[in-house]
C-alpha atoms as a PDB file:
ATOM      1  CA  UNK A   1      97.122  32.191 -22.307  1.00  0.00           C
ATOM      2  CA  UNK A   2      96.332  30.606 -25.674  1.00  0.00           C
ATOM      3  CA  UNK A   3      95.026  32.571 -28.660  1.00  0.00           C
ATOM      4  CA  UNK A   4      92.919  30.157 -30.725  1.00  0.00           C
ATOM      5  CA  UNK A   5      92.052  31.332 -34.246  1.00  0.00           C
ATOM      6  CA  UNK A   6      89.319  29.767 -36.392  1.00  0.00           C
ATOM      7  CA  UNK A   7      89.520  31.231 -39.906  1.00  0.00           C
ATOM      8  CA  UNK A   8      86.342  30.378 -41.786  1.00  0.00           C
ATOM      9  CA  UNK A   9      85.022  31.446 -45.150  1.00  0.00           C
ATOM     10  CA  UNK A  10      82.835  34.203 -43.673  1.00  0.00           C
ATOM     11  CA  UNK A  11      84.446  35.158 -40.350  1.00  0.00           C
ATOM     12  CA  UNK A  12      87.698  34.751 -38.444  1.00  0.00           C
ATOM     13  CA  UNK A  13      87.090  34.014 -34.761  1.00  0.00           C
ATOM     14  CA  UNK A  14      89.778  34.836 -32.194  1.00  0.00           C
ATOM     15  CA  UNK A  15      89.430  33.427 -28.680  1.00  0.00           C
ATOM     16  CA  UNK A  16      91.543  33.709 -25.533  1.00  0.00           C
ATOM     17  CA  UNK A  17      91.671  30.347 -23.785  1.00  0.00           C
ATOM     18  CA  UNK A  18      93.096  29.557 -20.377  1.00  0.00           C
ATOM     19  CA  UNK A  19      93.046  25.868 -19.540  1.00  0.00           C
ATOM     20  CA  UNK A  20      89.589  24.711 -20.606  1.00  0.00           C
ATOM     21  CA  UNK A  21      87.992  28.118 -20.074  1.00  0.00           C
ATOM     22  CA  UNK A  22      87.302  30.488 -22.965  1.00  0.00           C
ATOM     23  CA  UNK A  23      87.951  33.917 -21.469  1.00  0.00           C
ATOM     24  CA  UNK A  24      86.683  36.007 -24.382  1.00  0.00           C
ATOM     25  CA  UNK A  25      86.158  35.842 -28.127  1.00  0.00           C
ATOM     26  CA  UNK A  26      85.948  38.227 -31.072  1.00  0.00           C
ATOM     27  CA  UNK A  27      85.135  37.865 -34.752  1.00  0.00           C
ATOM     28  CA  UNK A  28      85.994  39.801 -37.872  1.00  0.00           C
ATOM     29  CA  UNK A  29      84.965  39.342 -41.511  1.00  0.00           C
ATOM     30  CA  UNK A  30      87.325  37.067 -43.407  1.00  0.00           C
ATOM     31  CA  UNK A  31      89.524  38.983 -45.835  1.00  0.00           C
ATOM     32  CA  UNK A  32      92.668  37.201 -47.071  1.00  0.00           C
ATOM     33  CA  UNK A  33      94.159  40.619 -47.916  1.00  0.00           C
ATOM     34  CA  UNK A  34      94.024  41.781 -44.289  1.00  0.00           C
ATOM     35  CA  UNK A  35      97.610  42.146 -43.075  1.00  0.00           C
ATOM     36  CA  UNK A  36      99.172  41.044 -39.815  1.00  0.00           C
ATOM     37  CA  UNK A  37      99.529  44.718 -38.870  1.00  0.00           C
ATOM     38  CA  UNK A  38      95.804  45.328 -39.354  1.00  0.00           C
ATOM     39  CA  UNK A  39      94.937  42.292 -37.234  1.00  0.00           C
ATOM     40  CA  UNK A  40      97.352  43.494 -34.547  1.00  0.00           C
ATOM     41  CA  UNK A  41      95.868  46.997 -34.279  1.00  0.00           C
ATOM     42  CA  UNK A  42      92.356  45.545 -34.020  1.00  0.00           C
ATOM     43  CA  UNK A  43      93.330  42.887 -31.465  1.00  0.00           C
ATOM     44  CA  UNK A  44      95.414  45.287 -29.370  1.00  0.00           C
ATOM     45  CA  UNK A  45      92.377  47.497 -28.786  1.00  0.00           C
ATOM     46  CA  UNK A  46      90.062  44.575 -28.019  1.00  0.00           C
ATOM     47  CA  UNK A  47      92.526  42.982 -25.629  1.00  0.00           C
ATOM     48  CA  UNK A  48      92.824  46.263 -23.722  1.00  0.00           C
ATOM     49  CA  UNK A  49      89.055  46.587 -23.472  1.00  0.00           C
ATOM     50  CA  UNK A  50      88.949  43.153 -21.804  1.00  0.00           C
ATOM     51  CA  UNK A  51      91.844  43.937 -19.461  1.00  0.00           C
ATOM     52  CA  UNK A  52      94.522  41.961 -21.283  1.00  0.00           C
ATOM     53  CA  UNK A  53      97.769  42.833 -23.065  1.00  0.00           C
ATOM     54  CA  UNK A  54      99.486  41.377 -26.124  1.00  0.00           C
ATOM     55  CA  UNK A  55     102.150  39.969 -23.781  1.00  0.00           C
ATOM     56  CA  UNK A  56      99.524  37.798 -22.030  1.00  0.00           C
ATOM     57  CA  UNK A  57      99.312  35.580 -25.131  1.00  0.00           C
ATOM     58  CA  UNK A  58     101.879  32.800 -24.810  1.00  0.00           C
ATOM     59  CA  UNK A  59     100.832  30.569 -27.707  1.00  0.00           C
ATOM     60  CA  UNK A  60      98.765  30.680 -30.901  1.00  0.00           C
ATOM     61  CA  UNK A  61      96.973  27.876 -32.729  1.00  0.00           C
ATOM     62  CA  UNK A  62      95.136  28.277 -36.046  1.00  0.00           C
ATOM     63  CA  UNK A  63      92.560  26.259 -37.969  1.00  0.00           C
ATOM     64  CA  UNK A  64      91.715  27.612 -41.392  1.00  0.00           C
ATOM     65  CA  UNK A  65      89.708  26.639 -44.446  1.00  0.00           C
ATOM     66  CA  UNK A  66      90.982  29.739 -46.266  1.00  0.00           C
ATOM     67  CA  UNK A  67      94.585  28.983 -47.310  1.00  0.00           C
ATOM     68  CA  UNK A  68      95.253  32.566 -48.429  1.00  0.00           C
ATOM     69  CA  UNK A  69      94.469  33.861 -44.936  1.00  0.00           C
ATOM     70  CA  UNK A  70      97.004  31.626 -43.195  1.00  0.00           C
ATOM     71  CA  UNK A  71     100.221  33.501 -43.976  1.00  0.00           C
ATOM     72  CA  UNK A  72      99.139  36.807 -42.445  1.00  0.00           C
ATOM     73  CA  UNK A  73      97.864  35.039 -39.324  1.00  0.00           C
ATOM     74  CA  UNK A  74     101.216  33.296 -38.964  1.00  0.00           C
ATOM     75  CA  UNK A  75     103.001  36.626 -39.345  1.00  0.00           C
ATOM     76  CA  UNK A  76     100.690  38.059 -36.671  1.00  0.00           C
ATOM     77  CA  UNK A  77     101.831  35.342 -34.246  1.00  0.00           C
ATOM     78  CA  UNK A  78     105.509  35.768 -35.103  1.00  0.00           C
ATOM     79  CA  UNK A  79     105.650  39.556 -35.130  1.00  0.00           C
ATOM     80  CA  UNK A  80     103.251  40.593 -32.402  1.00  0.00           C
ATOM     81  CA  UNK A  81     102.948  37.589 -30.070  1.00  0.00           C
ATOM     82  CA  UNK A  82     106.564  36.435 -30.415  1.00  0.00           C
ATOM     83  CA  UNK A  83     105.603  32.818 -30.989  1.00  0.00           C
ATOM     84  CA  UNK A  84     105.371  30.397 -33.905  1.00  0.00           C
ATOM     85  CA  UNK A  85     101.743  29.544 -34.500  1.00  0.00           C
ATOM     86  CA  UNK A  86     100.690  25.917 -34.484  1.00  0.00           C
ATOM     87  CA  UNK A  87      98.473  25.056 -37.462  1.00  0.00           C
ATOM     88  CA  UNK A  88      95.819  22.355 -37.178  1.00  0.00           C
ATOM     89  CA  UNK A  89      96.580  19.569 -39.619  1.00  0.00           C
ATOM     90  CA  UNK A  90     100.229  20.543 -40.123  1.00  0.00           C
ATOM     91  CA  UNK A  91     103.329  19.120 -38.439  1.00  0.00           C
ATOM     92  CA  UNK A  92     103.890  19.025 -35.486  1.00  0.00           C
ATOM     93  CA  UNK A  93     100.160  19.102 -34.669  1.00  0.00           C
ATOM     94  CA  UNK A  94      98.848  15.548 -34.819  1.00  0.00           C
ATOM     95  CA  UNK A  95      95.098  15.105 -35.058  1.00  0.00           C
ATOM     96  CA  UNK A  96      95.124  12.278 -32.548  1.00  0.00           C
ATOM     97  CA  UNK A  97      92.070  10.640 -34.148  1.00  0.00           C
ATOM     98  CA  UNK A  98      91.577   8.327 -37.099  1.00  0.00           C
ATOM     99  CA  UNK A  99      90.322   9.954 -40.298  1.00  0.00           C
ATOM    100  CA  UNK A 100      88.492   6.955 -41.734  1.00  0.00           C
ATOM    101  CA  UNK A 101      87.714   8.487 -45.128  1.00  0.00           C
ATOM    102  CA  UNK A 102      88.938   8.006 -48.696  1.00  0.00           C
ATOM    103  CA  UNK A 103      90.883  11.307 -48.831  1.00  0.00           C
ATOM    104  CA  UNK A 104      91.984  12.310 -45.306  1.00  0.00           C
ATOM    105  CA  UNK A 105      94.076  15.253 -46.538  1.00  0.00           C
ATOM    106  CA  UNK A 106      91.024  16.886 -48.126  1.00  0.00           C
ATOM    107  CA  UNK A 107      88.926  17.082 -44.930  1.00  0.00           C
ATOM    108  CA  UNK A 108      88.549  20.670 -43.724  1.00  0.00           C
ATOM    109  CA  UNK A 109      90.455  21.479 -40.551  1.00  0.00           C
ATOM    110  CA  UNK A 110      87.329  22.895 -38.914  1.00  0.00           C
ATOM    111  CA  UNK A 111      85.466  19.618 -39.416  1.00  0.00           C
ATOM    112  CA  UNK A 112      88.231  17.548 -37.826  1.00  0.00           C
ATOM    113  CA  UNK A 113      88.617  19.999 -34.938  1.00  0.00           C
ATOM    114  CA  UNK A 114      84.855  19.849 -34.334  1.00  0.00           C
ATOM    115  CA  UNK A 115      85.023  16.053 -34.315  1.00  0.00           C
ATOM    116  CA  UNK A 116      87.836  16.091 -31.734  1.00  0.00           C
ATOM    117  CA  UNK A 117      85.933  18.425 -29.413  1.00  0.00           C
ATOM    118  CA  UNK A 118      82.604  16.630 -29.838  1.00  0.00           C
ATOM    119  CA  UNK A 119      84.109  13.239 -28.950  1.00  0.00           C
ATOM    120  CA  UNK A 120      85.891  14.729 -25.945  1.00  0.00           C
ATOM    121  CA  UNK A 121      82.597  16.172 -24.681  1.00  0.00           C
ATOM    122  CA  UNK A 122      80.152  13.374 -25.464  1.00  0.00           C
ATOM    123  CA  UNK A 123      82.001  10.088 -26.298  1.00  0.00           C
ATOM    124  CA  UNK A 124      79.126   8.500 -28.211  1.00  0.00           C
ATOM    125  CA  UNK A 125      78.269   7.934 -31.834  1.00  0.00           C
ATOM    126  CA  UNK A 126      77.784  11.519 -32.976  1.00  0.00           C
ATOM    127  CA  UNK A 127      76.474  13.643 -35.822  1.00  0.00           C
ATOM    128  CA  UNK A 128      77.973  17.122 -35.635  1.00  0.00           C
ATOM    129  CA  UNK A 129      76.084  19.834 -37.532  1.00  0.00           C
ATOM    130  CA  UNK A 130      77.985  23.075 -38.068  1.00  0.00           C
ATOM    131  CA  UNK A 131      76.062  26.083 -39.411  1.00  0.00           C
ATOM    132  CA  UNK A 132      78.535  28.224 -41.330  1.00  0.00           C
ATOM    133  CA  UNK A 133      79.000  29.388 -44.901  1.00  0.00           C
ATOM    134  CA  UNK A 134      78.289  25.742 -45.643  1.00  0.00           C
ATOM    135  CA  UNK A 135      76.278  23.524 -43.345  1.00  0.00           C
ATOM    136  CA  UNK A 136      78.285  20.403 -42.588  1.00  0.00           C
ATOM    137  CA  UNK A 137      77.141  17.107 -41.104  1.00  0.00           C
ATOM    138  CA  UNK A 138      80.046  15.093 -39.708  1.00  0.00           C
ATOM    139  CA  UNK A 139      79.900  11.568 -38.338  1.00  0.00           C
ATOM    140  CA  UNK A 140      82.126  10.556 -35.411  1.00  0.00           C
ATOM    141  CA  UNK A 141      81.921   7.029 -34.039  1.00  0.00           C
ATOM    142  CA  UNK A 142      82.082   6.010 -30.382  1.00  0.00           C
ATOM    143  CA  UNK A 143      85.870   5.478 -30.603  1.00  0.00           C
ATOM    144  CA  UNK A 144      86.410   9.055 -31.797  1.00  0.00           C
ATOM    145  CA  UNK A 145      87.154   8.154 -35.416  1.00  0.00           C
ATOM    146  CA  UNK A 146      86.016  10.620 -38.047  1.00  0.00           C
ATOM    147  CA  UNK A 147      83.900   8.676 -40.567  1.00  0.00           C
ATOM    148  CA  UNK A 148      82.939  11.346 -43.125  1.00  0.00           C
ATOM    149  CA  UNK A 149      79.851  13.430 -43.662  1.00  0.00           C
ATOM    150  CA  UNK A 150      77.899  15.855 -45.805  1.00  0.00           C
ATOM    151  CA  UNK A 151      78.508  19.385 -47.070  1.00  0.00           C
ATOM    152  CA  UNK A 152      75.373  21.385 -47.932  1.00  0.00           C
ATOM    153  CA  UNK A 153      74.979  25.050 -48.914  1.00  0.00           C
ATOM    154  CA  UNK A 154      74.569  27.230 -45.841  1.00  0.00           C
ATOM    155  CA  UNK A 155      71.149  28.798 -45.364  1.00  0.00           C
ATOM    156  CA  UNK A 156      72.494  32.329 -45.943  1.00  0.00           C
ATOM    157  CA  UNK A 157      74.219  31.171 -49.116  1.00  0.00           C
ATOM    158  CA  UNK A 158      71.033  29.512 -50.339  1.00  0.00           C
ATOM    159  CA  UNK A 159      68.978  32.611 -49.635  1.00  0.00           C
ATOM    160  CA  UNK A 160      71.499  34.937 -51.313  1.00  0.00           C
ATOM    161  CA  UNK A 161      71.538  32.725 -54.406  1.00  0.00           C
ATOM    162  CA  UNK A 162      67.733  32.730 -54.562  1.00  0.00           C
ATOM    163  CA  UNK A 163      67.432  36.503 -54.247  1.00  0.00           C
ATOM    164  CA  UNK A 164      70.237  37.259 -56.721  1.00  0.00           C
ATOM    165  CA  UNK A 165      68.839  34.893 -59.362  1.00  0.00           C
ATOM    166  CA  UNK A 166      65.191  35.961 -59.095  1.00  0.00           C
ATOM    167  CA  UNK A 167      64.744  39.653 -59.931  1.00  0.00           C
ATOM    168  CA  UNK A 168      61.411  40.192 -58.143  1.00  0.00           C
ATOM    169  CA  UNK A 169      62.166  38.375 -54.888  1.00  0.00           C
ATOM    170  CA  UNK A 170      63.017  40.634 -51.924  1.00  0.00           C
ATOM    171  CA  UNK A 171      65.700  40.121 -49.315  1.00  0.00           C
ATOM    172  CA  UNK A 172      64.268  38.568 -46.167  1.00  0.00           C
ATOM    173  CA  UNK A 173      65.521  37.761 -42.688  1.00  0.00           C
ATOM    174  CA  UNK A 174      66.232  34.179 -41.711  1.00  0.00           C
ATOM    175  CA  UNK A 175      63.611  33.527 -39.075  1.00  0.00           C
ATOM    176  CA  UNK A 176      60.700  31.168 -38.456  1.00  0.00           C
ATOM    177  CA  UNK A 177      57.512  32.179 -40.281  1.00  0.00           C
ATOM    178  CA  UNK A 178      54.904  33.725 -37.969  1.00  0.00           C
ATOM    179  CA  UNK A 179      52.409  31.003 -38.867  1.00  0.00           C
ATOM    180  CA  UNK A 180      53.034  27.270 -38.609  1.00  0.00           C
ATOM    181  CA  UNK A 181      51.296  26.866 -41.954  1.00  0.00           C
ATOM    182  CA  UNK A 182      53.509  25.752 -44.830  1.00  0.00           C
ATOM    183  CA  UNK A 183      51.256  27.349 -47.433  1.00  0.00           C
ATOM    184  CA  UNK A 184      52.413  30.913 -47.907  1.00  0.00           C
ATOM    185  CA  UNK A 185      49.798  33.605 -48.557  1.00  0.00           C
ATOM    186  CA  UNK A 186      52.318  36.266 -49.641  1.00  0.00           C
ATOM    187  CA  UNK A 187      55.618  36.180 -51.496  1.00  0.00           C
ATOM    188  CA  UNK A 188      57.564  36.882 -48.303  1.00  0.00           C
ATOM    189  CA  UNK A 189      55.630  34.159 -46.443  1.00  0.00           C
ATOM    190  CA  UNK A 190      56.346  31.698 -49.245  1.00  0.00           C
ATOM    191  CA  UNK A 191      60.053  32.541 -49.185  1.00  0.00           C
ATOM    192  CA  UNK A 192      60.323  32.229 -45.414  1.00  0.00           C
ATOM    193  CA  UNK A 193      58.560  28.863 -45.482  1.00  0.00           C
ATOM    194  CA  UNK A 194      60.753  27.579 -48.293  1.00  0.00           C
ATOM    195  CA  UNK A 195      63.994  28.769 -46.740  1.00  0.00           C
ATOM    196  CA  UNK A 196      63.313  28.021 -43.077  1.00  0.00           C
ATOM    197  CA  UNK A 197      61.103  24.927 -43.040  1.00  0.00           C
ATOM    198  CA  UNK A 198      62.816  23.633 -46.156  1.00  0.00           C
ATOM    199  CA  UNK A 199      66.106  23.763 -44.269  1.00  0.00           C
ATOM    200  CA  UNK A 200      64.617  22.091 -41.201  1.00  0.00           C
ATOM    201  CA  UNK A 201      63.227  19.316 -43.413  1.00  0.00           C
ATOM    202  CA  UNK A 202      66.635  18.854 -45.048  1.00  0.00           C
ATOM    203  CA  UNK A 203      68.366  18.541 -41.673  1.00  0.00           C
ATOM    204  CA  UNK A 204      65.809  16.143 -40.242  1.00  0.00           C
ATOM    205  CA  UNK A 205      65.851  14.028 -43.398  1.00  0.00           C
ATOM    206  CA  UNK A 206      69.646  13.811 -43.580  1.00  0.00           C
ATOM    207  CA  UNK A 207      69.982  13.013 -39.881  1.00  0.00           C
ATOM    208  CA  UNK A 208      67.433  10.194 -40.271  1.00  0.00           C
ATOM    209  CA  UNK A 209      69.347   8.805 -43.266  1.00  0.00           C
ATOM    210  CA  UNK A 210      72.690   8.977 -41.440  1.00  0.00           C
ATOM    211  CA  UNK A 211      71.299   7.204 -38.386  1.00  0.00           C
ATOM    212  CA  UNK A 212      69.776   4.493 -40.572  1.00  0.00           C
ATOM    213  CA  UNK A 213      73.089   3.988 -42.370  1.00  0.00           C
ATOM    214  CA  UNK A 214      75.294   3.699 -39.275  1.00  0.00           C
ATOM    215  CA  UNK A 215      72.742   1.410 -37.633  1.00  0.00           C
ATOM    216  CA  UNK A 216      73.187   2.737 -34.094  1.00  0.00           C
ATOM    217  CA  UNK A 217      71.658   5.615 -32.114  1.00  0.00           C
ATOM    218  CA  UNK A 218      73.698   8.781 -32.598  1.00  0.00           C
ATOM    219  CA  UNK A 219      73.543  12.039 -30.685  1.00  0.00           C
ATOM    220  CA  UNK A 220      73.217  15.201 -32.754  1.00  0.00           C
ATOM    221  CA  UNK A 221      75.455  18.067 -31.659  1.00  0.00           C
ATOM    222  CA  UNK A 222      75.002  21.472 -33.273  1.00  0.00           C
ATOM    223  CA  UNK A 223      77.341  24.426 -33.461  1.00  0.00           C
ATOM    224  CA  UNK A 224      77.536  27.695 -35.380  1.00  0.00           C
ATOM    225  CA  UNK A 225      75.530  30.891 -35.356  1.00  0.00           C
ATOM    226  CA  UNK A 226      72.130  29.474 -36.323  1.00  0.00           C
ATOM    227  CA  UNK A 227      72.199  26.465 -34.007  1.00  0.00           C
ATOM    228  CA  UNK A 228      69.965  28.073 -31.365  1.00  0.00           C
ATOM    229  CA  UNK A 229      67.420  29.269 -33.936  1.00  0.00           C
ATOM    230  CA  UNK A 230      66.943  25.800 -35.381  1.00  0.00           C
ATOM    231  CA  UNK A 231      67.030  24.124 -31.970  1.00  0.00           C
ATOM    232  CA  UNK A 232      63.902  26.077 -31.041  1.00  0.00           C
ATOM    233  CA  UNK A 233      62.086  24.672 -34.067  1.00  0.00           C
ATOM    234  CA  UNK A 234      63.239  21.062 -34.332  1.00  0.00           C
ATOM    235  CA  UNK A 235      63.725  18.192 -31.907  1.00  0.00           C
ATOM    236  CA  UNK A 236      66.699  16.558 -33.645  1.00  0.00           C
ATOM    237  CA  UNK A 237      69.414  18.226 -31.539  1.00  0.00           C
ATOM    238  CA  UNK A 238      70.687  16.598 -28.355  1.00  0.00           C
ATOM    239  CA  UNK A 239      73.074  19.421 -27.450  1.00  0.00           C
ATOM    240  CA  UNK A 240      74.293  22.816 -28.631  1.00  0.00           C
ATOM    241  CA  UNK A 241      78.016  23.513 -28.384  1.00  0.00           C
ATOM    242  CA  UNK A 242      78.551  27.064 -29.674  1.00  0.00           C
ATOM    243  CA  UNK A 243      82.328  27.048 -29.074  1.00  0.00           C
ATOM    244  CA  UNK A 244      83.049  23.574 -30.435  1.00  0.00           C
ATOM    245  CA  UNK A 245      85.802  24.632 -32.869  1.00  0.00           C
ATOM    246  CA  UNK A 246      87.622  26.740 -30.289  1.00  0.00           C
ATOM    247  CA  UNK A 247      87.349  23.905 -27.760  1.00  0.00           C
ATOM    248  CA  UNK A 248      88.837  21.525 -30.324  1.00  0.00           C
ATOM    249  CA  UNK A 249      91.740  23.888 -30.981  1.00  0.00           C
ATOM    250  CA  UNK A 250      92.446  24.133 -27.256  1.00  0.00           C
ATOM    251  CA  UNK A 251      92.490  20.320 -27.022  1.00  0.00           C
ATOM    252  CA  UNK A 252      94.896  20.092 -29.962  1.00  0.00           C
ATOM    253  CA  UNK A 253      97.185  22.603 -28.282  1.00  0.00           C
ATOM    254  CA  UNK A 254      97.172  20.661 -24.990  1.00  0.00           C
ATOM    255  CA  UNK A 255      97.972  17.433 -26.865  1.00  0.00           C
ATOM    256  CA  UNK A 256     100.843  19.131 -28.679  1.00  0.00           C
ATOM    257  CA  UNK A 257     102.381  20.074 -25.317  1.00  0.00           C
ATOM    258  CA  UNK A 258     102.289  16.437 -24.203  1.00  0.00           C
ATOM    259  CA  UNK A 259     104.086  15.222 -27.341  1.00  0.00           C
ATOM    260  CA  UNK A 260     106.928  17.745 -27.147  1.00  0.00           C
END
């Protein structure tokens, strides 16, 4: 059994993977100060609830965009799972795809892992949109090469910045406005239109520009917590892959076994 860990800026996702099947997954708020012991107590209880034991985990692989969180996750693997964690982007884990960008070392591990999984699943020219703390648009060509992309503020981040900078604006939920009108009649309506339809317009506009630049049809694959919400209100998505990062980590682990 593989424990795949995706440490993002907002949440750390833990998933038990057997072969190509994700058995279960859990998430916890990202806190670089959280110790290996704290992770272990939390995971021990969750594993038991699902009918598993710590001893069922034979290997651990980690992708992180939070460098300060890595050490404690590595200690977790060493101390409680009795294995040395593999780390995406670090020896001996080879990406197995070309990073055709100016600064390959600066590309976030989550973006490369998403690209690996997306190409494995779809094998076309792809635009992968990941809704996280940031919203990323990543371009993968038909050969599987990572070509670069876009990093935009995540919708929650944008909304938090708006509310914190404007004293009289209330906190609102991220949801489609009740009316299809884009002329708000109340402050809340105006905010929901600006945040929601403004974000849809940004995505549709950027996808159109990317497709025009690469000059070939490209499928749009979405992942992350808000993928379903936006899929219901835009026709740009060809597929939703909610576990794309975990699937990519599992593929990296399988490839590492073949190169040993």
